[in-house]
Amino acid sequence: MIRPPLTDRQIEQLAEGYPPGSPTLRVLDLEEALTSMAQELRQARAARRDERQAAIFVWAKAAFTVEQATSLPQRALRLLEEAVEAAQACGLAEDKAIDIVGFVYDRPAGDLAQELGGVGVTVLALAAAAGLSADAEEEREVSRVLAKPIEHFTARNAAKNAAGFLVVGAGEE
């Protein structure tokens, strides 16, 4: 639950029991209240992100089929596609993108949970460098995607699959 900022009266009520002008109230109680409010805000944001994730999962199953929406290699391929598009939008040269793929695949595979965390951290750092809010851009993209007819994405997915970018079933490696 997100609380509004403290009113002057609430601050006065917090001050009851403290000597007049006590710095303890201003430093400790207000700091504690702000810390609590910040924690509640983080929890609310996390809940909204979990709700967006659930909505996108329902959407992905409808747009791409359950098999493709739940295939880790297929979702990874689409994540790679988006990452390459973001790199291209940042002006990264194609040869550097190709080089990093070889560099990564020359090492042992990581843990998916940690690597997803790394993707999230990297998105936050890129957004900050670009002067954007990762959260706001994610919300905007979810809204844009969900506002379009599902058939739009089903057709785009079919075209990518026909171009050889379907890795579910026998093609998974």
N, C-alpha and C. Protein backbone atom coordinates (compact mmCIF):
# COMPACT_ATOMS: atom_id res chain seq x y z
N MET A 1 0.84 -1.17 0.00
CA MET A 1 0.00 0.00 0.00
C MET A 1 0.88 1.24 0.00
N ILE A 2 0.63 2.15 -0.90
CA ILE A 2 1.41 3.38 -0.99
C ILE A 2 0.69 4.46 -0.19
N ARG A 3 1.42 5.05 0.77
CA ARG A 3 0.85 6.11 1.59
C ARG A 3 1.23 7.46 1.02
N PRO A 4 0.34 8.46 1.18
CA PRO A 4 0.70 9.82 0.77
C PRO A 4 1.74 10.39 1.73
N PRO A 5 2.41 11.48 1.36
CA PRO A 5 3.38 12.09 2.26
C PRO A 5 2.74 12.48 3.60
N LEU A 6 3.56 12.51 4.63
CA LEU A 6 3.07 12.89 5.95
C LEU A 6 2.61 14.34 5.96
N THR A 7 1.48 14.59 6.62
CA THR A 7 1.00 15.96 6.78
C THR A 7 1.69 16.58 7.99
N ASP A 8 1.58 17.90 8.10
CA ASP A 8 2.16 18.58 9.27
C ASP A 8 1.55 18.04 10.56
N ARG A 9 0.26 17.75 10.56
CA ARG A 9 -0.40 17.23 11.76
C ARG A 9 0.15 15.85 12.13
N GLN A 10 0.38 15.00 11.12
CA GLN A 10 0.95 13.68 11.39
C GLN A 10 2.36 13.81 11.97
N ILE A 11 3.10 14.75 11.46
CA ILE A 11 4.44 14.98 12.00
C ILE A 11 4.34 15.44 13.45
N GLU A 12 3.37 16.33 13.73
CA GLU A 12 3.16 16.79 15.12
C GLU A 12 2.79 15.63 16.02
N GLN A 13 1.94 14.72 15.53
CA GLN A 13 1.54 13.56 16.33
C GLN A 13 2.74 12.66 16.61
N LEU A 14 3.61 12.51 15.64
CA LEU A 14 4.82 11.72 15.86
C LEU A 14 5.71 12.37 16.92
N ALA A 15 5.63 13.70 17.01
CA ALA A 15 6.50 14.44 17.93
C ALA A 15 6.07 14.32 19.39
N GLU A 16 4.82 13.92 19.62
CA GLU A 16 4.34 13.81 20.99
C GLU A 16 5.23 12.86 21.77
N GLY A 17 5.65 13.28 22.93
CA GLY A 17 6.51 12.45 23.76
C GLY A 17 7.98 12.78 23.60
N TYR A 18 8.32 13.59 22.61
CA TYR A 18 9.69 14.02 22.44
C TYR A 18 9.81 15.45 22.96
N PRO A 19 10.97 15.81 23.50
CA PRO A 19 11.15 17.20 23.93
C PRO A 19 11.00 18.13 22.74
N PRO A 20 10.45 19.33 22.94
CA PRO A 20 10.29 20.27 21.82
C PRO A 20 11.60 20.49 21.08
N GLY A 21 11.52 20.47 19.76
CA GLY A 21 12.69 20.70 18.92
C GLY A 21 13.68 19.56 18.88
N SER A 22 13.29 18.41 19.39
CA SER A 22 14.21 17.27 19.45
C SER A 22 14.63 16.83 18.05
N PRO A 23 15.94 16.75 17.80
CA PRO A 23 16.38 16.27 16.49
C PRO A 23 16.09 14.79 16.29
N THR A 24 15.85 14.07 17.39
CA THR A 24 15.57 12.64 17.29
C THR A 24 14.34 12.39 16.43
N LEU A 25 13.30 13.21 16.64
CA LEU A 25 12.08 13.05 15.87
C LEU A 25 12.37 13.24 14.38
N ARG A 26 12.97 14.34 14.05
CA ARG A 26 13.20 14.67 12.65
C ARG A 26 14.12 13.63 11.98
N VAL A 27 15.13 13.20 12.64
CA VAL A 27 16.09 12.30 12.00
C VAL A 27 15.63 10.86 12.02
N LEU A 28 15.19 10.37 13.18
CA LEU A 28 14.87 8.95 13.31
C LEU A 28 13.46 8.61 12.87
N ASP A 29 12.44 9.29 13.43
CA ASP A 29 11.07 8.92 13.09
C ASP A 29 10.74 9.22 11.63
N LEU A 30 11.14 10.35 11.12
CA LEU A 30 10.85 10.66 9.72
C LEU A 30 11.65 9.76 8.80
N GLU A 31 12.89 9.47 9.18
CA GLU A 31 13.69 8.55 8.38
C GLU A 31 13.06 7.18 8.35
N GLU A 32 12.57 6.73 9.50
CA GLU A 32 11.89 5.42 9.56
C GLU A 32 10.62 5.43 8.71
N ALA A 33 9.86 6.52 8.80
CA ALA A 33 8.63 6.62 8.02
C ALA A 33 8.95 6.62 6.53
N LEU A 34 9.98 7.35 6.13
CA LEU A 34 10.36 7.39 4.72
C LEU A 34 10.87 6.03 4.24
N THR A 35 11.63 5.36 5.08
CA THR A 35 12.12 4.03 4.74
C THR A 35 10.96 3.07 4.55
N SER A 36 9.98 3.14 5.44
CA SER A 36 8.80 2.28 5.34
C SER A 36 8.01 2.58 4.06
N MET A 37 7.86 3.86 3.77
CA MET A 37 7.14 4.25 2.56
C MET A 37 7.88 3.78 1.31
N ALA A 38 9.20 3.88 1.32
CA ALA A 38 10.00 3.43 0.17
C ALA A 38 9.86 1.93 -0.02
N GLN A 39 9.84 1.18 1.08
CA GLN A 39 9.67 -0.27 1.00
C GLN A 39 8.30 -0.62 0.42
N GLU A 40 7.27 0.09 0.86
CA GLU A 40 5.92 -0.15 0.33
C GLU A 40 5.85 0.18 -1.16
N LEU A 41 6.53 1.24 -1.56
CA LEU A 41 6.55 1.61 -2.98
C LEU A 41 7.24 0.53 -3.80
N ARG A 42 8.37 0.00 -3.31
CA ARG A 42 9.07 -1.08 -4.03
C ARG A 42 8.17 -2.31 -4.15
N GLN A 43 7.44 -2.63 -3.08
CA GLN A 43 6.55 -3.79 -3.12
C GLN A 43 5.43 -3.58 -4.12
N ALA A 44 4.89 -2.36 -4.17
CA ALA A 44 3.82 -2.06 -5.12
C ALA A 44 4.33 -2.15 -6.55
N ARG A 45 5.54 -1.64 -6.79
CA ARG A 45 6.12 -1.73 -8.14
C ARG A 45 6.36 -3.18 -8.53
N ALA A 46 6.86 -3.97 -7.60
CA ALA A 46 7.11 -5.39 -7.88
C ALA A 46 5.80 -6.10 -8.21
N ALA A 47 4.75 -5.76 -7.48
CA ALA A 47 3.45 -6.38 -7.75
C ALA A 47 2.97 -5.99 -9.14
N ARG A 48 3.13 -4.72 -9.51
CA ARG A 48 2.72 -4.30 -10.86
C ARG A 48 3.54 -5.03 -11.92
N ARG A 49 4.82 -5.22 -11.67
CA ARG A 49 5.65 -5.91 -12.66
C ARG A 49 5.23 -7.37 -12.76
N ASP A 50 4.94 -8.01 -11.62
CA ASP A 50 4.47 -9.39 -11.65
C ASP A 50 3.15 -9.48 -12.40
N GLU A 51 2.28 -8.49 -12.24
CA GLU A 51 1.01 -8.48 -12.98
C GLU A 51 1.26 -8.33 -14.47
N ARG A 52 2.21 -7.46 -14.85
CA ARG A 52 2.55 -7.32 -16.28
C ARG A 52 3.11 -8.63 -16.82
N GLN A 53 3.96 -9.28 -16.03
CA GLN A 53 4.54 -10.55 -16.46
C GLN A 53 3.45 -11.58 -16.69
N ALA A 54 2.50 -11.67 -15.78
CA ALA A 54 1.40 -12.63 -15.94
C ALA A 54 0.56 -12.31 -17.17
N ALA A 55 0.28 -11.03 -17.39
CA ALA A 55 -0.51 -10.63 -18.55
C ALA A 55 0.22 -10.96 -19.85
N ILE A 56 1.52 -10.72 -19.88
CA ILE A 56 2.30 -11.00 -21.08
C ILE A 56 2.39 -12.50 -21.33
N PHE A 57 2.44 -13.29 -20.27
CA PHE A 57 2.49 -14.75 -20.45
C PHE A 57 1.19 -15.25 -21.08
N VAL A 58 0.05 -14.74 -20.61
CA VAL A 58 -1.25 -15.10 -21.21
C VAL A 58 -1.25 -14.67 -22.67
N TRP A 59 -0.82 -13.45 -22.93
CA TRP A 59 -0.77 -12.92 -24.30
C TRP A 59 0.14 -13.77 -25.18
N ALA A 60 1.33 -14.14 -24.68
CA ALA A 60 2.29 -14.92 -25.47
C ALA A 60 1.72 -16.28 -25.84
N LYS A 61 1.01 -16.90 -24.90
CA LYS A 61 0.41 -18.21 -25.21
C LYS A 61 -0.65 -18.07 -26.29
N ALA A 62 -1.41 -16.98 -26.25
CA ALA A 62 -2.45 -16.76 -27.26
C ALA A 62 -1.84 -16.40 -28.61
N ALA A 63 -0.77 -15.61 -28.61
CA ALA A 63 -0.18 -15.14 -29.85
C ALA A 63 0.73 -16.17 -30.52
N PHE A 64 1.46 -16.95 -29.73
CA PHE A 64 2.52 -17.79 -30.28
C PHE A 64 2.29 -19.29 -30.12
N THR A 65 1.27 -19.71 -29.44
CA THR A 65 0.96 -21.08 -29.02
C THR A 65 1.62 -21.35 -27.67
N VAL A 66 1.02 -22.23 -26.92
CA VAL A 66 1.55 -22.59 -25.60
C VAL A 66 2.94 -23.18 -25.74
N GLU A 67 3.14 -24.02 -26.75
CA GLU A 67 4.44 -24.66 -26.94
C GLU A 67 5.55 -23.62 -27.13
N GLN A 68 5.31 -22.64 -27.99
CA GLN A 68 6.33 -21.62 -28.24
C GLN A 68 6.47 -20.66 -27.06
N ALA A 69 5.38 -20.36 -26.38
CA ALA A 69 5.43 -19.43 -25.25
C ALA A 69 6.15 -20.03 -24.04
N THR A 70 6.15 -21.35 -23.95
CA THR A 70 6.78 -22.00 -22.80
C THR A 70 8.13 -22.64 -23.13
N SER A 71 8.55 -22.54 -24.37
CA SER A 71 9.84 -23.10 -24.78
C SER A 71 10.96 -22.14 -24.39
N LEU A 72 11.84 -22.58 -23.50
CA LEU A 72 12.95 -21.71 -23.10
C LEU A 72 13.86 -21.34 -24.27
N PRO A 73 14.24 -22.29 -25.14
CA PRO A 73 15.06 -21.88 -26.29
C PRO A 73 14.35 -20.87 -27.20
N GLN A 74 13.04 -21.04 -27.40
CA GLN A 74 12.30 -20.11 -28.26
C GLN A 74 12.23 -18.73 -27.63
N ARG A 75 11.94 -18.66 -26.31
CA ARG A 75 11.89 -17.37 -25.62
C ARG A 75 13.28 -16.73 -25.60
N ALA A 76 14.33 -17.56 -25.47
CA ALA A 76 15.70 -17.04 -25.47
C ALA A 76 16.04 -16.43 -26.83
N LEU A 77 15.59 -17.10 -27.90
CA LEU A 77 15.85 -16.57 -29.24
C LEU A 77 15.19 -15.21 -29.42
N ARG A 78 13.95 -15.08 -28.92
CA ARG A 78 13.25 -13.79 -29.04
C ARG A 78 13.90 -12.73 -28.15
N LEU A 79 14.40 -13.13 -26.98
CA LEU A 79 15.12 -12.19 -26.12
C LEU A 79 16.39 -11.71 -26.82
N LEU A 80 17.11 -12.63 -27.44
CA LEU A 80 18.32 -12.28 -28.18
C LEU A 80 17.98 -11.30 -29.31
N GLU A 81 16.88 -11.56 -30.00
CA GLU A 81 16.45 -10.67 -31.08
C GLU A 81 16.23 -9.25 -30.54
N GLU A 82 15.52 -9.13 -29.43
CA GLU A 82 15.27 -7.81 -28.84
C GLU A 82 16.56 -7.15 -28.37
N ALA A 83 17.47 -7.94 -27.79
CA ALA A 83 18.75 -7.40 -27.33
C ALA A 83 19.57 -6.89 -28.52
N VAL A 84 19.56 -7.64 -29.61
CA VAL A 84 20.29 -7.21 -30.81
C VAL A 84 19.67 -5.94 -31.37
N GLU A 85 18.34 -5.86 -31.38
CA GLU A 85 17.68 -4.64 -31.85
C GLU A 85 18.02 -3.44 -30.97
N ALA A 86 18.09 -3.65 -29.65
CA ALA A 86 18.47 -2.56 -28.74
C ALA A 86 19.92 -2.15 -29.00
N ALA A 87 20.80 -3.14 -29.19
CA ALA A 87 22.21 -2.83 -29.48
C ALA A 87 22.34 -2.05 -30.78
N GLN A 88 21.58 -2.45 -31.78
CA GLN A 88 21.59 -1.75 -33.07
C GLN A 88 21.10 -0.32 -32.89
N ALA A 89 20.04 -0.13 -32.09
CA ALA A 89 19.49 1.21 -31.84
C ALA A 89 20.50 2.09 -31.10
N CYS A 90 21.42 1.48 -30.36
CA CYS A 90 22.46 2.22 -29.65
C CYS A 90 23.67 2.52 -30.53
N GLY A 91 23.68 1.98 -31.74
CA GLY A 91 24.78 2.23 -32.65
C GLY A 91 25.91 1.21 -32.57
N LEU A 92 25.66 0.07 -31.91
CA LEU A 92 26.69 -0.96 -31.83
C LEU A 92 26.91 -1.58 -33.21
N ALA A 93 28.15 -1.74 -33.59
CA ALA A 93 28.50 -2.33 -34.89
C ALA A 93 28.16 -3.82 -34.90
N GLU A 94 27.70 -4.31 -36.06
CA GLU A 94 27.31 -5.71 -36.22
C GLU A 94 28.45 -6.66 -35.86
N ASP A 95 29.69 -6.33 -36.24
CA ASP A 95 30.80 -7.23 -35.96
C ASP A 95 31.02 -7.39 -34.46
N LYS A 96 30.77 -6.36 -33.67
CA LYS A 96 30.90 -6.48 -32.21
C LYS A 96 29.81 -7.38 -31.65
N ALA A 97 28.60 -7.29 -32.19
CA ALA A 97 27.51 -8.17 -31.75
C ALA A 97 27.85 -9.63 -32.04
N ILE A 98 28.38 -9.87 -33.21
CA ILE A 98 28.77 -11.24 -33.58
C ILE A 98 29.91 -11.72 -32.68
N ASP A 99 30.89 -10.87 -32.42
CA ASP A 99 32.02 -11.23 -31.56
C ASP A 99 31.57 -11.60 -30.16
N ILE A 100 30.61 -10.88 -29.60
CA ILE A 100 30.19 -11.17 -28.22
C ILE A 100 29.46 -12.50 -28.15
N VAL A 101 28.73 -12.86 -29.19
CA VAL A 101 28.06 -14.17 -29.21
C VAL A 101 29.10 -15.29 -29.13
N GLY A 102 30.14 -15.19 -29.93
CA GLY A 102 31.20 -16.20 -29.88
C GLY A 102 31.90 -16.23 -28.54
N PHE A 103 32.15 -15.05 -27.97
CA PHE A 103 32.80 -14.95 -26.66
C PHE A 103 31.98 -15.65 -25.58
N VAL A 104 30.66 -15.41 -25.58
CA VAL A 104 29.78 -16.02 -24.58
C VAL A 104 29.71 -17.53 -24.77
N TYR A 105 29.54 -17.99 -26.00
CA TYR A 105 29.39 -19.43 -26.25
C TYR A 105 30.70 -20.21 -26.07
N ASP A 106 31.81 -19.51 -25.98
CA ASP A 106 33.08 -20.19 -25.69
C ASP A 106 33.23 -20.51 -24.20
N ARG A 107 32.31 -19.99 -23.37
CA ARG A 107 32.36 -20.23 -21.93
C ARG A 107 31.23 -21.17 -21.53
N PRO A 108 31.32 -21.76 -20.33
CA PRO A 108 30.23 -22.63 -19.86
C PRO A 108 28.92 -21.82 -19.68
N ALA A 109 27.80 -22.51 -19.85
CA ALA A 109 26.49 -21.87 -19.66
C ALA A 109 26.32 -21.47 -18.20
N GLY A 110 25.66 -20.35 -17.98
CA GLY A 110 25.39 -19.86 -16.64
C GLY A 110 24.08 -20.40 -16.10
N ASP A 111 23.70 -19.92 -14.93
CA ASP A 111 22.45 -20.25 -14.27
C ASP A 111 21.37 -19.29 -14.78
N LEU A 112 20.24 -19.81 -15.26
CA LEU A 112 19.22 -18.97 -15.86
C LEU A 112 18.74 -17.86 -14.93
N ALA A 113 18.49 -18.18 -13.67
CA ALA A 113 17.99 -17.15 -12.74
C ALA A 113 19.00 -16.01 -12.62
N GLN A 114 20.26 -16.34 -12.46
CA GLN A 114 21.28 -15.29 -12.33
C GLN A 114 21.41 -14.51 -13.64
N GLU A 115 21.36 -15.19 -14.75
CA GLU A 115 21.50 -14.51 -16.04
C GLU A 115 20.31 -13.58 -16.30
N LEU A 116 19.10 -13.99 -15.90
CA LEU A 116 17.95 -13.09 -16.03
C LEU A 116 18.13 -11.85 -15.16
N GLY A 117 18.66 -12.06 -13.95
CA GLY A 117 18.98 -10.92 -13.11
C GLY A 117 19.98 -10.00 -13.79
N GLY A 118 20.97 -10.59 -14.45
CA GLY A 118 21.96 -9.81 -15.18
C GLY A 118 21.34 -9.03 -16.32
N VAL A 119 20.38 -9.64 -17.01
CA VAL A 119 19.67 -8.94 -18.08
C VAL A 119 18.95 -7.73 -17.49
N GLY A 120 18.27 -7.95 -16.35
CA GLY A 120 17.55 -6.85 -15.72
C GLY A 120 18.47 -5.71 -15.29
N VAL A 121 19.60 -6.06 -14.67
CA VAL A 121 20.57 -5.04 -14.24
C VAL A 121 21.11 -4.28 -15.44
N THR A 122 21.41 -5.01 -16.51
CA THR A 122 21.96 -4.37 -17.71
C THR A 122 20.93 -3.46 -18.36
N VAL A 123 19.67 -3.87 -18.37
CA VAL A 123 18.61 -3.01 -18.90
C VAL A 123 18.52 -1.72 -18.08
N LEU A 124 18.60 -1.84 -16.75
CA LEU A 124 18.55 -0.65 -15.90
C LEU A 124 19.73 0.29 -16.20
N ALA A 125 20.92 -0.27 -16.35
CA ALA A 125 22.10 0.55 -16.63
C ALA A 125 21.99 1.22 -18.00
N LEU A 126 21.51 0.49 -19.01
CA LEU A 126 21.34 1.06 -20.35
C LEU A 126 20.30 2.17 -20.33
N ALA A 127 19.19 1.92 -19.65
CA ALA A 127 18.14 2.95 -19.56
C ALA A 127 18.69 4.20 -18.89
N ALA A 128 19.44 4.04 -17.81
CA ALA A 128 20.01 5.19 -17.12
C ALA A 128 20.97 5.95 -18.04
N ALA A 129 21.81 5.22 -18.76
CA ALA A 129 22.76 5.86 -19.68
C ALA A 129 22.03 6.63 -20.78
N ALA A 130 20.87 6.13 -21.19
CA ALA A 130 20.08 6.76 -22.25
C ALA A 130 19.14 7.84 -21.72
N GLY A 131 19.08 7.99 -20.40
CA GLY A 131 18.17 8.98 -19.82
C GLY A 131 16.72 8.55 -19.88
N LEU A 132 16.47 7.25 -19.82
CA LEU A 132 15.12 6.70 -19.88
C LEU A 132 14.79 5.98 -18.58
N SER A 133 13.52 5.77 -18.34
CA SER A 133 13.08 4.95 -17.22
C SER A 133 12.76 3.55 -17.77
N ALA A 134 13.52 2.56 -17.32
CA ALA A 134 13.27 1.19 -17.79
C ALA A 134 11.85 0.76 -17.44
N ASP A 135 11.40 1.11 -16.25
CA ASP A 135 10.06 0.72 -15.82
C ASP A 135 8.99 1.38 -16.69
N ALA A 136 9.15 2.67 -16.95
CA ALA A 136 8.16 3.38 -17.77
C ALA A 136 8.15 2.84 -19.20
N GLU A 137 9.32 2.53 -19.73
CA GLU A 137 9.38 2.00 -21.10
C GLU A 137 8.77 0.60 -21.17
N GLU A 138 9.00 -0.19 -20.13
CA GLU A 138 8.40 -1.53 -20.11
C GLU A 138 6.87 -1.40 -20.04
N GLU A 139 6.37 -0.53 -19.16
CA GLU A 139 4.92 -0.32 -19.06
C GLU A 139 4.35 0.14 -20.39
N ARG A 140 5.04 1.08 -21.03
CA ARG A 140 4.57 1.61 -22.32
C ARG A 140 4.52 0.50 -23.37
N GLU A 141 5.54 -0.34 -23.42
CA GLU A 141 5.58 -1.41 -24.42
C GLU A 141 4.52 -2.47 -24.15
N VAL A 142 4.31 -2.82 -22.90
CA VAL A 142 3.26 -3.78 -22.56
C VAL A 142 1.91 -3.22 -23.01
N SER A 143 1.64 -1.97 -22.72
CA SER A 143 0.37 -1.35 -23.14
C SER A 143 0.24 -1.34 -24.65
N ARG A 144 1.32 -1.00 -25.36
CA ARG A 144 1.29 -0.96 -26.83
C ARG A 144 1.00 -2.34 -27.40
N VAL A 145 1.70 -3.34 -26.88
CA VAL A 145 1.54 -4.71 -27.38
C VAL A 145 0.13 -5.23 -27.12
N LEU A 146 -0.35 -5.02 -25.90
CA LEU A 146 -1.67 -5.55 -25.55
C LEU A 146 -2.81 -4.82 -26.26
N ALA A 147 -2.54 -3.62 -26.77
CA ALA A 147 -3.58 -2.85 -27.47
C ALA A 147 -3.75 -3.31 -28.92
N LYS A 148 -2.76 -4.01 -29.46
CA LYS A 148 -2.84 -4.45 -30.86
C LYS A 148 -3.58 -5.78 -30.94
N PRO A 149 -4.19 -6.05 -32.09
CA PRO A 149 -4.85 -7.35 -32.27
C PRO A 149 -3.84 -8.50 -32.15
N ILE A 150 -4.23 -9.56 -31.49
CA ILE A 150 -3.34 -10.71 -31.29
C ILE A 150 -2.87 -11.27 -32.63
N GLU A 151 -3.72 -11.16 -33.65
CA GLU A 151 -3.39 -11.68 -34.98
C GLU A 151 -2.15 -10.98 -35.56
N HIS A 152 -1.94 -9.73 -35.21
CA HIS A 152 -0.76 -8.99 -35.67
C HIS A 152 0.51 -9.72 -35.26
N PHE A 153 0.56 -10.13 -33.99
CA PHE A 153 1.76 -10.79 -33.48
C PHE A 153 1.85 -12.25 -33.91
N THR A 154 0.70 -12.89 -34.07
CA THR A 154 0.69 -14.26 -34.57
C THR A 154 1.29 -14.29 -35.98
N ALA A 155 0.91 -13.33 -36.81
CA ALA A 155 1.44 -13.26 -38.18
C ALA A 155 2.94 -12.95 -38.19
N ARG A 156 3.37 -12.01 -37.36
CA ARG A 156 4.81 -11.69 -37.28
C ARG A 156 5.61 -12.90 -36.81
N ASN A 157 5.07 -13.61 -35.84
CA ASN A 157 5.74 -14.80 -35.32
C ASN A 157 5.84 -15.88 -36.40
N ALA A 158 4.75 -16.06 -37.14
CA ALA A 158 4.76 -17.06 -38.21
C ALA A 158 5.80 -16.73 -39.26
N ALA A 159 5.95 -15.45 -39.58
CA ALA A 159 6.96 -15.04 -40.56
C ALA A 159 8.38 -15.32 -40.05
N LYS A 160 8.62 -15.06 -38.77
CA LYS A 160 9.94 -15.35 -38.19
C LYS A 160 10.19 -16.86 -38.17
N ASN A 161 9.17 -17.61 -37.81
CA ASN A 161 9.30 -19.07 -37.80
C ASN A 161 9.61 -19.60 -39.20
N ALA A 162 8.91 -19.06 -40.21
CA ALA A 162 9.13 -19.49 -41.59
C ALA A 162 10.53 -19.12 -42.08
N ALA A 163 11.10 -18.08 -41.48
CA ALA A 163 12.46 -17.66 -41.85
C ALA A 163 13.53 -18.51 -41.16
N GLY A 164 13.08 -19.51 -40.38
CA GLY A 164 14.03 -20.42 -39.76
C GLY A 164 14.28 -20.15 -38.28
N PHE A 165 13.45 -19.33 -37.66
CA PHE A 165 13.67 -18.97 -36.26
C PHE A 165 12.66 -19.62 -35.32
N LEU A 166 12.41 -20.89 -35.54
CA LEU A 166 11.58 -21.69 -34.65
C LEU A 166 12.48 -22.77 -34.06
N VAL A 167 12.63 -22.76 -32.74
CA VAL A 167 13.56 -23.72 -32.12
C VAL A 167 12.88 -24.60 -31.08
N VAL A 168 11.57 -24.75 -31.15
CA VAL A 168 10.89 -25.66 -30.22
C VAL A 168 10.88 -27.05 -30.82
N GLY A 169 10.62 -28.04 -29.98
CA GLY A 169 10.54 -29.42 -30.45
C GLY A 169 11.89 -29.96 -30.89
N ALA A 170 11.94 -30.55 -32.06
CA ALA A 170 13.16 -31.22 -32.53
C ALA A 170 14.30 -30.23 -32.76
N GLY A 171 13.99 -28.96 -32.98
CA GLY A 171 15.03 -27.97 -33.25
C GLY A 171 15.74 -27.46 -32.01
N GLU A 172 15.26 -27.82 -30.80
CA GLU A 172 15.87 -27.31 -29.56
C GLU A 172 17.22 -27.96 -29.34
N GLU A 173 18.19 -27.15 -28.99
CA GLU A 173 19.52 -27.67 -28.68
C GLU A 173 20.16 -26.86 -27.61
